Amino acid sequence: MSRITTSRIKTSHRITILSIALLSLACLIGWIFWTQEVQYSLPTPVPSNFVDVKVGEKVDLSKDLNIDSGRATVLHFFNADCPCSRFNMDEFERLEHQYRNTVQFFVIIQSDNWKDVEKFQNKYELTVPIVLDPSGAIADKCGIYATPQAVILDRNSAMYFKGNYNKARFCTQKETRFVEIALGYLLQGEQLPAFMHLAVTEPYGCTLPSDEANNPSSFSLF
């Protein structure tokens, strides 16, 4: 075999190896982009056993939460393993600070370990009640299957709003601050405008741990 032929073979091998490496890198970048960005911008898959709760329906949480019947209630469904939940906390803290004197807030996390409550409090320094919901019973009663999601109940514990906090993942669009807009209408005694229901129909974010078939009872929050 001539030196020229040998050189061509070696060059061909290098090109093949380089092509495989570039293809692998492209696949890795695509996978990272999917796991960190794209999947969280798409509607969250609806669980097969999902039962919807419509606006106006009474939600009985008397055995789950200590609700003050004289005030509206905001339930914040949180999962620290969900990037969207973590990005959303600044918005939740802002709303809690703004409305704490007129609205009662609860944080709902899916865990069976009370140490997770202490970890949450230390991390976010919030004084709102934190409720453990390991089986997803509270989420099911509210018709919630994604995080982060908000539920607003009126003074009669009827569903007033449920859905996304914002159209933007980082809650940066002021005109689509759905929870804040809904609270404004509720506190003024007005019905929710029809356009707000768009925030309800397509929850996006992360699937609730209780709805994950592969690992329904093991939660790692921090």
Protein backbone atom coordinates (compact mmCIF):
# COMPACT_ATOMS: atom_id res chain seq x y z
CA MET A 1 0.00 0.00 0.00
CA SER A 2 1.42 3.36 -0.99
CA ARG A 3 2.05 6.20 1.40
CA ILE A 4 -0.53 8.31 -0.42
CA THR A 5 -3.23 5.64 0.01
CA THR A 6 -2.35 5.18 3.67
CA SER A 7 -2.50 8.94 4.23
CA ARG A 8 -5.91 9.14 2.56
CA ILE A 9 -7.24 6.34 4.77
CA LYS A 10 -5.97 8.06 7.91
CA THR A 11 -7.52 11.34 6.78
CA SER A 12 -10.83 9.59 6.10
CA HIS A 13 -10.76 8.03 9.55
CA ARG A 14 -10.09 11.41 11.16
CA ILE A 15 -12.99 12.96 9.26
CA THR A 16 -15.29 10.11 10.34
CA ILE A 17 -14.26 10.42 13.98
CA LEU A 18 -14.67 14.20 13.83
CA SER A 19 -18.11 13.84 12.25
CA ILE A 20 -19.21 11.40 14.95
CA ALA A 21 -17.89 13.73 17.65
CA LEU A 22 -19.72 16.73 16.17
CA LEU A 23 -22.92 14.72 15.81
CA SER A 24 -22.66 13.56 19.42
CA LEU A 25 -22.06 17.14 20.56
CA ALA A 26 -25.08 18.35 18.60
CA CYS A 27 -27.24 15.63 20.15
CA LEU A 28 -25.99 16.56 23.63
CA ILE A 29 -26.72 20.24 23.06
CA GLY A 30 -30.17 19.36 21.73
CA TRP A 31 -30.88 17.16 24.75
CA ILE A 32 -29.77 19.88 27.18
CA PHE A 33 -31.89 22.45 25.34
CA TRP A 34 -34.90 20.13 25.53
CA THR A 35 -34.48 19.26 29.22
CA GLN A 36 -33.78 22.85 30.30
CA GLU A 37 -35.92 24.96 27.99
CA VAL A 38 -38.28 23.50 25.40
CA GLN A 39 -40.19 20.94 27.49
CA TYR A 40 -41.10 23.58 30.07
CA SER A 41 -42.54 25.92 27.45
CA LEU A 42 -44.94 23.24 26.18
CA PRO A 43 -48.25 22.36 27.84
CA THR A 44 -47.79 19.85 30.64
CA PRO A 45 -49.17 16.40 29.72
CA VAL A 46 -52.60 15.80 31.24
CA PRO A 47 -52.65 12.75 33.59
CA SER A 48 -54.93 9.91 32.51
CA ASN A 49 -56.87 10.11 35.79
CA PHE A 50 -57.20 13.92 35.78
CA VAL A 51 -60.52 15.37 36.97
CA ASP A 52 -60.96 19.04 36.18
CA VAL A 53 -62.33 21.59 38.65
CA LYS A 54 -64.14 24.44 36.97
CA VAL A 55 -64.20 28.08 37.97
CA GLY A 56 -67.10 28.61 40.38
CA GLU A 57 -67.00 25.11 41.86
CA LYS A 58 -66.73 24.81 45.63
CA VAL A 59 -63.41 23.38 46.82
CA ASP A 60 -63.60 21.72 50.22
CA LEU A 61 -60.19 21.95 51.87
CA SER A 62 -61.49 22.13 55.44
CA LYS A 63 -59.63 18.95 56.40
CA ASP A 64 -56.42 20.05 54.71
CA LEU A 65 -55.95 23.76 55.47
CA ASN A 66 -56.87 26.24 58.16
CA ILE A 67 -58.65 28.66 55.85
CA ASP A 68 -60.01 31.97 57.09
CA SER A 69 -63.49 32.21 55.58
CA GLY A 70 -63.35 35.99 55.66
CA ARG A 71 -60.56 36.30 53.11
CA ALA A 72 -59.62 35.08 49.67
CA THR A 73 -57.02 32.31 49.46
CA VAL A 74 -54.04 31.72 47.19
CA LEU A 75 -52.56 28.23 46.98
CA HIS A 76 -49.07 28.07 45.48
CA PHE A 77 -48.14 24.61 44.18
CA PHE A 78 -44.36 24.30 44.40
CA ASN A 79 -41.78 21.66 43.54
CA ALA A 80 -38.12 22.53 44.14
CA ASP A 81 -37.03 19.87 41.64
CA CYS A 82 -38.84 21.87 38.96
CA PRO A 83 -36.77 24.70 37.38
CA CYS A 84 -39.95 26.64 36.62
CA SER A 85 -40.93 26.56 40.30
CA ARG A 86 -37.56 27.93 41.34
CA PHE A 87 -37.63 30.69 38.72
CA ASN A 88 -41.17 31.58 39.81
CA MET A 89 -40.41 32.20 43.48
CA ASP A 90 -39.51 35.88 43.06
CA GLU A 91 -42.95 36.48 41.58
CA PHE A 92 -44.68 34.57 44.36
CA GLU A 93 -42.77 36.43 47.05
CA ARG A 94 -43.68 39.75 45.43
CA LEU A 95 -47.38 38.86 45.38
CA GLU A 96 -47.33 37.58 48.94
CA HIS A 97 -45.72 40.81 50.16
CA GLN A 98 -48.18 42.93 48.19
CA TYR A 99 -51.38 41.16 49.26
CA ARG A 100 -50.52 39.61 52.63
CA ASN A 101 -52.90 41.92 54.51
CA THR A 102 -55.94 41.06 52.40
CA VAL A 103 -55.29 37.54 51.07
CA GLN A 104 -54.13 34.38 52.83
CA PHE A 105 -51.38 32.40 51.14
CA PHE A 106 -50.43 28.73 51.38
CA VAL A 107 -47.50 26.88 49.81
CA ILE A 108 -48.29 23.30 48.82
CA ILE A 109 -45.34 20.93 48.36
CA GLN A 110 -45.43 17.22 47.62
CA SER A 111 -43.36 15.61 50.34
CA ASP A 112 -43.91 13.42 53.39
CA ASN A 113 -40.92 14.84 55.28
CA TRP A 114 -41.48 17.79 57.63
CA LYS A 115 -37.80 18.71 57.32
CA ASP A 116 -38.63 19.92 53.83
CA VAL A 117 -40.81 22.61 55.39
CA GLU A 118 -37.86 23.91 57.40
CA LYS A 119 -35.62 23.78 54.33
CA PHE A 120 -38.15 25.77 52.32
CA GLN A 121 -38.51 28.38 55.06
CA ASN A 122 -34.75 28.77 55.43
CA LYS A 123 -34.25 29.07 51.68
CA TYR A 124 -37.01 31.57 50.95
CA GLU A 125 -37.57 33.18 54.37
CA LEU A 126 -41.34 33.24 53.99
CA THR A 127 -43.76 33.13 56.90
CA VAL A 128 -46.73 31.71 54.95
CA PRO A 129 -48.12 28.31 56.00
CA ILE A 130 -46.49 25.41 54.17
CA VAL A 131 -48.58 22.30 53.69
CA LEU A 132 -47.28 18.84 52.81
CA ASP A 133 -49.29 17.04 50.16
CA PRO A 134 -47.39 13.79 49.52
CA SER A 135 -50.20 11.99 47.73
CA GLY A 136 -51.34 14.98 45.71
CA ALA A 137 -54.76 15.00 47.40
CA ILE A 138 -54.92 18.80 47.60
CA ALA A 139 -53.76 19.14 44.02
CA ASP A 140 -56.46 16.70 42.91
CA LYS A 141 -59.16 18.60 44.78
CA CYS A 142 -58.11 21.75 42.95
CA GLY A 143 -57.63 20.15 39.53
CA ILE A 144 -53.90 20.91 39.45
CA TYR A 145 -51.36 18.71 37.67
CA ALA A 146 -48.33 20.98 37.10
CA THR A 147 -45.96 23.29 38.92
CA PRO A 148 -45.72 26.16 39.39
CA GLN A 149 -49.45 26.77 39.46
CA ALA A 150 -51.69 29.04 41.49
CA VAL A 151 -55.22 28.53 42.74
CA ILE A 152 -57.31 31.45 43.96
CA LEU A 153 -60.39 30.72 46.06
CA ASP A 154 -62.92 33.41 46.93
CA ARG A 155 -64.28 33.98 50.44
CA ASN A 156 -66.72 31.10 49.97
CA SER A 157 -63.92 28.69 48.93
CA ALA A 158 -65.18 28.65 45.35
CA MET A 159 -62.66 28.36 42.54
CA TYR A 160 -62.01 31.84 41.16
CA PHE A 161 -58.81 31.23 39.21
CA LYS A 162 -56.29 28.47 38.60
CA GLY A 163 -53.37 28.37 36.23
CA ASN A 164 -50.03 29.85 35.29
CA TYR A 165 -48.49 32.86 36.95
CA ASN A 166 -47.33 34.36 33.70
CA LYS A 167 -47.03 33.67 29.99
CA ALA A 168 -43.28 34.21 30.31
CA ARG A 169 -41.21 31.54 32.04
CA PHE A 170 -39.43 34.08 34.26
CA CYS A 171 -42.65 36.05 34.95
CA THR A 172 -41.19 39.10 33.23
CA GLN A 173 -44.21 40.18 31.18
CA LYS A 174 -46.24 42.62 33.26
CA GLU A 175 -49.23 42.41 30.94
CA THR A 176 -49.54 38.64 31.54
CA ARG A 177 -49.17 38.54 35.32
CA PHE A 178 -52.27 36.36 35.49
CA VAL A 179 -52.39 35.81 39.25
CA GLU A 180 -51.93 39.48 40.06
CA ILE A 181 -54.58 40.45 37.50
CA ALA A 182 -57.00 37.88 38.89
CA LEU A 183 -56.46 39.07 42.47
CA GLY A 184 -57.18 42.63 41.36
CA TYR A 185 -60.54 41.64 39.87
CA LEU A 186 -61.45 39.45 42.83
CA LEU A 187 -60.71 42.08 45.45
CA GLN A 188 -62.81 44.55 43.48
CA GLY A 189 -65.70 42.10 43.53
CA GLU A 190 -65.69 41.60 39.76
CA GLN A 191 -65.92 38.49 37.63
CA LEU A 192 -62.83 37.17 35.90
CA PRO A 193 -62.62 38.38 32.25
CA ALA A 194 -62.94 35.71 29.58
CA PHE A 195 -59.38 36.24 28.28
CA MET A 196 -58.00 35.16 31.65
CA HIS A 197 -59.22 31.63 31.09
CA LEU A 198 -56.39 31.21 28.60
CA ALA A 199 -54.10 31.03 31.62
CA VAL A 200 -56.14 28.10 32.91
CA THR A 201 -56.52 25.90 29.86
CA GLU A 202 -52.84 25.15 29.15
CA PRO A 203 -50.76 24.66 32.30
CA TYR A 204 -47.05 24.47 31.57
CA GLY A 205 -44.09 23.64 33.75
CA CYS A 206 -43.35 20.31 35.47
CA THR A 207 -45.52 17.28 36.06
CA LEU A 208 -46.46 16.78 39.69
CA PRO A 209 -44.45 14.03 41.41
CA SER A 210 -47.69 12.26 42.38
CA ASP A 211 -48.58 11.98 38.69
CA GLU A 212 -45.26 10.50 37.62
CA ALA A 213 -45.84 6.80 37.02
CA ASN A 214 -42.18 5.85 37.40
CA ASN A 215 -41.68 7.40 40.83
CA PRO A 216 -44.98 8.30 42.47
CA SER A 217 -43.88 8.45 46.08
CA SER A 218 -40.20 9.43 46.21
CA PHE A 219 -39.56 13.15 46.39
CA SER A 220 -36.27 15.04 46.57
CA LEU A 221 -36.99 18.70 47.11
CA PHE A 222 -33.57 20.17 47.90
